[in-house]
Protein backbone atom coordinates (compact mmCIF):
# COMPACT_ATOMS: atom_id res chain seq x y z
CA MET A 1 38.28 7.65 1.19
CA ALA A 2 34.55 8.32 1.61
CA LYS A 3 32.37 5.97 3.65
CA VAL A 4 29.12 5.20 1.83
CA GLY A 5 26.19 3.46 3.48
CA VAL A 6 23.96 1.48 1.13
CA VAL A 7 20.58 0.64 2.63
CA ALA A 8 20.57 -3.13 2.14
CA LEU A 9 17.07 -4.23 3.04
CA GLN A 10 15.81 -5.14 -0.44
CA GLY A 11 16.53 -4.33 -4.07
CA ALA A 12 19.67 -3.46 -6.04
CA PHE A 13 21.94 -2.67 -3.09
CA ARG A 14 24.73 -5.05 -4.21
CA GLU A 15 25.15 -3.23 -7.53
CA HIS A 16 25.43 0.14 -5.75
CA ARG A 17 27.94 -1.34 -3.31
CA GLU A 18 30.07 -2.55 -6.22
CA ALA A 19 29.85 0.78 -8.08
CA PHE A 20 30.98 2.85 -5.10
CA ALA A 21 33.71 0.32 -4.23
CA ALA A 22 34.99 0.58 -7.83
CA LEU A 23 35.36 4.33 -7.22
CA GLY A 24 37.47 3.69 -4.12
CA ALA A 25 34.82 4.31 -1.46
CA GLU A 26 34.53 2.30 1.72
CA VAL A 27 31.04 0.81 1.49
CA VAL A 28 28.92 -0.56 4.33
CA GLU A 29 25.59 -2.30 4.01
CA VAL A 30 23.04 -0.57 6.22
CA ARG A 31 20.54 -2.90 7.90
CA THR A 32 20.32 -1.36 11.38
CA PRO A 33 20.54 2.22 12.71
CA ALA A 34 24.03 1.47 14.07
CA ASP A 35 25.24 0.77 10.51
CA LEU A 36 24.76 4.47 9.69
CA SER A 37 27.52 5.44 12.12
CA GLY A 38 30.18 7.46 10.34
CA VAL A 39 28.70 7.25 6.85
CA GLU A 40 29.37 10.28 4.67
CA ALA A 41 26.87 9.39 1.91
CA VAL A 42 23.77 7.21 1.72
CA VAL A 43 22.10 5.16 -1.00
CA LEU A 44 18.43 4.21 -1.09
CA PRO A 45 18.42 1.67 -3.94
CA GLY A 46 15.82 0.55 -6.40
CA GLY A 47 13.65 -2.42 -5.60
CA GLU A 48 10.01 -2.46 -4.54
CA SER A 49 9.05 0.76 -2.77
CA THR A 50 6.29 -0.61 -0.54
CA THR A 51 8.57 -3.42 0.62
CA ILE A 52 11.47 -1.05 1.30
CA THR A 53 9.14 1.29 3.22
CA ARG A 54 7.87 -1.59 5.35
CA LEU A 55 11.40 -2.89 5.99
CA LEU A 56 12.59 0.59 7.01
CA ASP A 57 9.87 0.55 9.65
CA LEU A 58 10.59 -3.01 10.83
CA SER A 59 14.37 -2.43 11.05
CA GLY A 60 14.07 0.85 12.92
CA LEU A 61 15.81 2.64 10.05
CA ARG A 62 12.98 4.95 8.94
CA GLU A 63 13.72 7.85 11.28
CA PRO A 64 17.55 7.55 11.28
CA VAL A 65 17.62 7.48 7.45
CA ARG A 66 15.13 10.36 7.24
CA GLN A 67 17.20 12.42 9.68
CA CYS A 68 20.40 11.63 7.78
CA LEU A 69 18.89 12.77 4.46
CA HIS A 70 17.14 15.77 5.99
CA ALA A 71 20.45 16.87 7.53
CA GLY A 72 22.02 17.10 4.07
CA THR A 73 24.09 13.94 3.91
CA PRO A 74 24.86 13.33 0.22
CA ALA A 75 22.57 10.65 -1.13
CA LEU A 76 21.70 8.70 -4.24
CA LEU A 77 18.03 7.75 -4.38
CA THR A 78 17.28 5.45 -7.30
CA CYS A 79 13.91 4.33 -8.64
CA ALA A 80 12.17 2.84 -5.57
CA GLY A 81 14.60 4.79 -3.36
CA LEU A 82 13.37 7.99 -5.00
CA ILE A 83 9.78 6.95 -4.29
CA VAL A 84 10.61 6.18 -0.65
CA ALA A 85 12.31 9.60 -0.20
CA ALA A 86 9.64 11.63 -2.04
CA ALA A 87 7.32 14.19 -0.53
CA GLU A 88 4.30 12.67 -2.27
CA VAL A 89 3.65 9.28 -3.88
CA LEU A 90 0.81 8.67 -6.32
CA ASP A 91 -0.51 5.14 -6.89
CA GLY A 92 1.11 3.87 -3.71
CA ARG A 93 -0.51 1.70 -1.09
CA PRO A 94 -2.61 3.57 1.49
CA ASP A 95 -0.17 2.55 4.25
CA GLN A 96 2.90 3.62 2.24
CA VAL A 97 4.23 6.75 3.94
CA PRO A 98 7.28 8.24 2.18
CA LEU A 99 10.15 9.89 4.06
CA GLY A 100 9.21 13.31 2.67
CA VAL A 101 12.79 14.57 2.27
CA LEU A 102 12.86 15.11 -1.51
CA ALA A 103 10.40 17.73 -2.78
CA VAL A 104 8.97 15.72 -5.66
CA ARG A 105 5.63 14.14 -6.49
CA VAL A 106 6.15 10.74 -8.11
CA ARG A 107 3.88 8.19 -9.74
CA ARG A 108 4.92 4.58 -9.16
CA ASN A 109 5.44 2.26 -12.17
CA ALA A 110 4.32 5.07 -14.46
CA TYR A 111 5.93 3.64 -17.59
CA GLY A 112 4.09 0.36 -17.12
CA ARG A 113 4.81 -3.18 -16.10
CA GLN A 114 8.09 -5.09 -16.30
CA ARG A 115 7.74 -5.74 -20.03
CA GLU A 116 7.60 -1.98 -20.69
CA SER A 117 11.03 -1.49 -19.11
CA PHE A 118 13.55 0.08 -21.48
CA GLU A 119 16.96 1.64 -21.94
CA ALA A 120 17.49 5.13 -23.33
CA PRO A 121 20.36 7.62 -23.47
CA VAL A 122 20.02 10.39 -20.88
CA ARG A 123 21.78 13.75 -21.23
CA ILE A 124 22.75 14.94 -17.74
CA ALA A 125 23.46 18.63 -17.26
CA GLY A 126 27.14 19.24 -16.54
CA LEU A 127 28.14 15.60 -17.00
CA ALA A 128 31.03 15.18 -19.43
CA GLY A 129 31.43 12.13 -21.63
CA GLY A 130 28.19 12.11 -23.58
CA PRO A 131 24.79 10.67 -22.73
CA PHE A 132 24.39 8.36 -19.76
CA PRO A 133 22.89 4.91 -20.43
CA GLY A 134 19.54 5.12 -18.64
CA VAL A 135 18.09 1.79 -17.51
CA PHE A 136 14.38 2.22 -16.70
CA ILE A 137 12.80 -0.77 -14.93
CA ARG A 138 9.16 -0.29 -13.86
CA ALA A 139 10.30 3.29 -13.40
CA PRO A 140 8.42 6.02 -11.59
CA VAL A 141 7.68 9.36 -13.20
CA ILE A 142 8.41 12.64 -11.45
CA GLU A 143 5.21 14.64 -12.00
CA ALA A 144 6.15 17.75 -10.03
CA THR A 145 9.17 19.25 -8.31
CA GLY A 146 9.52 21.80 -5.52
CA PRO A 147 11.26 25.15 -5.98
CA ASP A 148 14.56 23.88 -4.52
CA VAL A 149 14.75 20.90 -6.88
CA GLU A 150 17.03 21.20 -9.91
CA ILE A 151 16.22 19.02 -12.91
CA LEU A 152 19.50 17.57 -14.17
CA ALA A 153 18.10 15.29 -16.90
CA ARG A 154 14.90 14.56 -18.77
CA HIS A 155 13.65 11.73 -20.95
CA ALA A 156 10.83 12.55 -23.38
CA GLY A 157 10.35 15.84 -21.53
CA THR A 158 9.92 14.23 -18.10
CA PRO A 159 12.46 14.72 -15.28
CA VAL A 160 14.51 11.56 -14.68
CA LEU A 161 17.37 12.91 -12.57
CA VAL A 162 16.90 15.66 -10.00
CA ARG A 163 18.98 17.28 -7.33
CA GLN A 164 17.90 18.96 -4.13
CA GLY A 165 20.92 20.18 -2.23
CA ARG A 166 23.10 17.08 -1.92
CA LEU A 167 20.30 14.61 -2.64
CA PHE A 168 20.27 13.06 -6.12
CA GLY A 169 17.08 11.30 -7.21
CA ALA A 170 17.00 9.12 -10.34
CA THR A 171 13.99 7.35 -11.83
CA PHE A 172 16.43 5.08 -13.68
CA HIS A 173 19.05 2.63 -12.39
CA PRO A 174 22.58 4.06 -12.74
CA GLU A 175 23.96 1.05 -10.85
CA LEU A 176 22.96 -1.20 -13.78
CA ALA A 177 24.40 1.00 -16.53
CA GLY A 178 28.07 -0.01 -16.40
CA ASP A 179 28.86 3.72 -16.10
CA LEU A 180 30.04 5.20 -12.78
CA ARG A 181 29.51 8.90 -13.53
CA VAL A 182 26.29 9.33 -11.50
CA HIS A 183 27.87 7.60 -8.50
CA GLN A 184 30.87 9.92 -8.94
CA LEU A 185 28.53 12.95 -8.75
CA VAL A 186 27.44 11.81 -5.30
CA LEU A 187 31.02 11.18 -4.11
CA GLN A 188 31.96 14.71 -5.20
CA GLU A 189 29.52 15.98 -2.54
CA VAL A 190 31.32 14.20 0.32
């Protein structure tokens, strides 16, 4: 049974915890560096990216999480988590410094405000079972990817699910879809 650490500082961490638990994983909520001990996969959930960034700093988790992701620990980075992990963030606060572990340039809230949130089917390369139900809530847009980043899915021509090594970055919220296939992709890397 894989041990998954869900960064539980702010955002949709409960939904990720429930999804991985439904797949049989042992799930721990990560609030301190010690909580990362023994985890075999990590989740940076959606929420509010500037708040998550600030809380990573205040909790002492910034560097331990960055090192964990940089070392190749399988990870699911969703919406704000993708922004936090990105190499470059557009439209962020001046004091918002991303972890720089995922070679993407993202624009925060690129689809608009809360009322512009939407759901759309997403076809994910290599994922059986038909389109995945994409839930886009104040979603970022991936504007550029590095050479080691594989685009697994697009919506309206824009990348919405990428992979760099064992890091999976989604601009949508798979934890809200009622479909466990994206979480299963991450567990397959453990």
